[in-house]
Amino acid sequence: MQEDPTNGPARDSSLIRPYTRTGGRTTARHDLRLETLLSTDEDRLYLATNDQAAMMRLCLQPRSVAEISALMKIPLGVTRVLLSDLITLNLVAVHEPSATPNITLLERVLSGLRKL
């Protein structure tokens, strides 16, 4: 007996296995720390695939790697690989943290980690 696809479970991106999102890759091309900020602008969104655009929309305001991981509800390693791809494609800009810690940023990172 065949299942009716209309009655089956909805396809949700959160149900996709992490290794399929990265094509089996486990190592990012760029060294991305938890506190590294990334940003983009709306003009670059049209260059991205649907999955990439979803991640890029979060970067319309500067966000840390930890925040993006928490908001996308995907593991940190997968987030780093996917963000690394966006950096390589020049779809997001990387903003390295200064030598002096920014308390506001650290609080945002902590909040993002708590959401994991």
C-alpha atoms as a PDB file:
ATOM      1  CA  MET A   1       0.000   0.000   0.000  1.00  0.00           C
ATOM      2  CA  GLN A   2       1.411   3.380  -1.008  1.00  0.00           C
ATOM      3  CA  GLU A   3       1.290   6.365   1.275  1.00  0.00           C
ATOM      4  CA  ASP A   4      -0.538   9.407   0.061  1.00  0.00           C
ATOM      5  CA  PRO A   5       2.114  12.178  -0.151  1.00  0.00           C
ATOM      6  CA  THR A   6      -0.446  14.778   0.894  1.00  0.00           C
ATOM      7  CA  ASN A   7      -0.954  12.975   4.209  1.00  0.00           C
ATOM      8  CA  GLY A   8       2.748  12.383   4.878  1.00  0.00           C
ATOM      9  CA  PRO A   9       4.966  14.554   7.051  1.00  0.00           C
ATOM     10  CA  ALA A  10       5.807  17.981   5.665  1.00  0.00           C
ATOM     11  CA  ARG A  11       9.307  18.433   4.308  1.00  0.00           C
ATOM     12  CA  ASP A  12      11.017  20.710   6.767  1.00  0.00           C
ATOM     13  CA  SER A  13      14.573  21.974   6.329  1.00  0.00           C
ATOM     14  CA  SER A  14      15.233  21.102   9.981  1.00  0.00           C
ATOM     15  CA  LEU A  15      14.692  17.439   9.069  1.00  0.00           C
ATOM     16  CA  ILE A  16      17.570  17.486   6.579  1.00  0.00           C
ATOM     17  CA  ARG A  17      20.619  15.670   7.921  1.00  0.00           C
ATOM     18  CA  PRO A  18      23.556  18.035   8.541  1.00  0.00           C
ATOM     19  CA  TYR A  19      25.965  16.125   6.305  1.00  0.00           C
ATOM     20  CA  THR A  20      23.628  16.520   3.336  1.00  0.00           C
ATOM     21  CA  ARG A  21      23.622  20.307   3.773  1.00  0.00           C
ATOM     22  CA  THR A  22      27.411  20.369   3.532  1.00  0.00           C
ATOM     23  CA  GLY A  23      27.776  17.690   0.877  1.00  0.00           C
ATOM     24  CA  GLY A  24      29.578  15.504   3.405  1.00  0.00           C
ATOM     25  CA  ARG A  25      32.200  18.167   4.185  1.00  0.00           C
ATOM     26  CA  THR A  26      33.165  18.627   7.815  1.00  0.00           C
ATOM     27  CA  THR A  27      35.903  21.248   7.533  1.00  0.00           C
ATOM     28  CA  ALA A  28      35.362  24.913   6.743  1.00  0.00           C
ATOM     29  CA  ARG A  29      37.736  26.693   4.352  1.00  0.00           C
ATOM     30  CA  HIS A  30      37.837  29.738   6.623  1.00  0.00           C
ATOM     31  CA  ASP A  31      38.659  29.920  10.312  1.00  0.00           C
ATOM     32  CA  LEU A  32      35.416  31.151  11.853  1.00  0.00           C
ATOM     33  CA  ARG A  33      35.339  31.714  15.588  1.00  0.00           C
ATOM     34  CA  LEU A  34      32.083  31.841  17.544  1.00  0.00           C
ATOM     35  CA  GLU A  35      32.310  35.607  17.881  1.00  0.00           C
ATOM     36  CA  THR A  36      33.210  36.357  14.253  1.00  0.00           C
ATOM     37  CA  LEU A  37      30.632  38.716  12.765  1.00  0.00           C
ATOM     38  CA  LEU A  38      29.248  38.344   9.262  1.00  0.00           C
ATOM     39  CA  SER A  39      27.075  40.704   7.261  1.00  0.00           C
ATOM     40  CA  THR A  40      25.607  41.105   3.795  1.00  0.00           C
ATOM     41  CA  ASP A  41      23.275  43.394   1.912  1.00  0.00           C
ATOM     42  CA  GLU A  42      20.025  42.754   0.081  1.00  0.00           C
ATOM     43  CA  ASP A  43      21.673  43.198  -3.321  1.00  0.00           C
ATOM     44  CA  ARG A  44      23.581  39.938  -2.850  1.00  0.00           C
ATOM     45  CA  LEU A  45      20.537  37.838  -1.941  1.00  0.00           C
ATOM     46  CA  TYR A  46      19.554  37.280  -5.565  1.00  0.00           C
ATOM     47  CA  LEU A  47      22.898  35.541  -6.184  1.00  0.00           C
ATOM     48  CA  ALA A  48      22.213  32.855  -3.584  1.00  0.00           C
ATOM     49  CA  THR A  49      20.316  29.586  -3.548  1.00  0.00           C
ATOM     50  CA  ASN A  50      17.263  29.302  -1.290  1.00  0.00           C
ATOM     51  CA  ASP A  51      19.248  27.665   1.522  1.00  0.00           C
ATOM     52  CA  GLN A  52      22.015  30.248   1.237  1.00  0.00           C
ATOM     53  CA  ALA A  53      19.540  33.129   1.114  1.00  0.00           C
ATOM     54  CA  ALA A  54      17.913  31.973   4.353  1.00  0.00           C
ATOM     55  CA  MET A  55      21.272  32.170   6.116  1.00  0.00           C
ATOM     56  CA  MET A  56      22.139  35.434   4.404  1.00  0.00           C
ATOM     57  CA  ARG A  57      18.897  37.088   5.543  1.00  0.00           C
ATOM     58  CA  LEU A  58      20.140  36.664   9.102  1.00  0.00           C
ATOM     59  CA  CYS A  59      23.289  38.551   8.077  1.00  0.00           C
ATOM     60  CA  LEU A  60      21.401  41.625   6.866  1.00  0.00           C
ATOM     61  CA  GLN A  61      22.406  42.930  10.278  1.00  0.00           C
ATOM     62  CA  PRO A  62      25.827  41.834  11.567  1.00  0.00           C
ATOM     63  CA  ARG A  63      25.556  38.510  13.392  1.00  0.00           C
ATOM     64  CA  SER A  64      28.027  36.192  15.039  1.00  0.00           C
ATOM     65  CA  VAL A  65      28.640  32.637  13.901  1.00  0.00           C
ATOM     66  CA  ALA A  66      27.109  31.420  17.182  1.00  0.00           C
ATOM     67  CA  GLU A  67      23.945  33.479  16.644  1.00  0.00           C
ATOM     68  CA  ILE A  68      23.502  32.224  13.093  1.00  0.00           C
ATOM     69  CA  SER A  69      23.911  28.635  14.237  1.00  0.00           C
ATOM     70  CA  ALA A  70      21.325  29.085  16.985  1.00  0.00           C
ATOM     71  CA  LEU A  71      18.800  30.912  14.797  1.00  0.00           C
ATOM     72  CA  MET A  72      19.141  28.405  11.939  1.00  0.00           C
ATOM     73  CA  LYS A  73      18.920  25.522  14.448  1.00  0.00           C
ATOM     74  CA  ILE A  74      21.820  23.691  12.842  1.00  0.00           C
ATOM     75  CA  PRO A  75      25.039  22.413  14.447  1.00  0.00           C
ATOM     76  CA  LEU A  76      27.955  24.829  14.751  1.00  0.00           C
ATOM     77  CA  GLY A  77      30.242  22.759  12.508  1.00  0.00           C
ATOM     78  CA  VAL A  78      27.653  22.729   9.725  1.00  0.00           C
ATOM     79  CA  THR A  79      27.124  26.467  10.154  1.00  0.00           C
ATOM     80  CA  ARG A  80      30.850  27.095   9.776  1.00  0.00           C
ATOM     81  CA  VAL A  81      31.043  25.054   6.567  1.00  0.00           C
ATOM     82  CA  LEU A  82      27.998  26.793   5.046  1.00  0.00           C
ATOM     83  CA  LEU A  83      29.197  30.258   6.069  1.00  0.00           C
ATOM     84  CA  SER A  84      32.625  29.460   4.669  1.00  0.00           C
ATOM     85  CA  ASP A  85      30.966  28.702   1.327  1.00  0.00           C
ATOM     86  CA  LEU A  86      29.203  32.084   1.436  1.00  0.00           C
ATOM     87  CA  ILE A  87      32.511  33.825   2.172  1.00  0.00           C
ATOM     88  CA  THR A  88      34.202  32.035  -0.719  1.00  0.00           C
ATOM     89  CA  LEU A  89      31.368  33.124  -3.037  1.00  0.00           C
ATOM     90  CA  ASN A  90      31.757  36.696  -1.727  1.00  0.00           C
ATOM     91  CA  LEU A  91      28.128  36.717  -0.581  1.00  0.00           C
ATOM     92  CA  VAL A  92      28.880  37.728   3.023  1.00  0.00           C
ATOM     93  CA  ALA A  93      31.518  39.976   4.554  1.00  0.00           C
ATOM     94  CA  VAL A  94      33.590  38.925   7.550  1.00  0.00           C
ATOM     95  CA  HIS A  95      34.228  41.353  10.391  1.00  0.00           C
ATOM     96  CA  GLU A  96      36.992  40.105  12.666  1.00  0.00           C
ATOM     97  CA  PRO A  97      36.655  41.112  16.304  1.00  0.00           C
ATOM     98  CA  SER A  98      38.991  43.716  17.758  1.00  0.00           C
ATOM     99  CA  ALA A  99      41.574  42.893  20.401  1.00  0.00           C
ATOM    100  CA  THR A 100      39.335  44.444  23.072  1.00  0.00           C
ATOM    101  CA  PRO A 101      36.236  42.407  23.844  1.00  0.00           C
ATOM    102  CA  ASN A 102      32.897  44.036  23.095  1.00  0.00           C
ATOM    103  CA  ILE A 103      30.597  43.315  26.053  1.00  0.00           C
ATOM    104  CA  THR A 104      27.432  43.771  23.969  1.00  0.00           C
ATOM    105  CA  LEU A 105      28.683  41.257  21.405  1.00  0.00           C
ATOM    106  CA  LEU A 106      29.664  38.769  24.101  1.00  0.00           C
ATOM    107  CA  GLU A 107      26.188  39.022  25.603  1.00  0.00           C
ATOM    108  CA  ARG A 108      24.641  38.374  22.156  1.00  0.00           C
ATOM    109  CA  VAL A 109      26.910  35.350  21.647  1.00  0.00           C
ATOM    110  CA  LEU A 110      25.984  34.019  25.082  1.00  0.00           C
ATOM    111  CA  SER A 111      22.310  34.492  24.302  1.00  0.00           C
ATOM    112  CA  GLY A 112      22.759  32.618  21.002  1.00  0.00           C
ATOM    113  CA  LEU A 113      24.560  29.758  22.736  1.00  0.00           C
ATOM    114  CA  ARG A 114      21.813  29.469  25.318  1.00  0.00           C
ATOM    115  CA  LYS A 115      19.297  29.059  22.487  1.00  0.00           C
ATOM    116  CA  LEU A 116      21.220  26.018  21.207  1.00  0.00           C
END
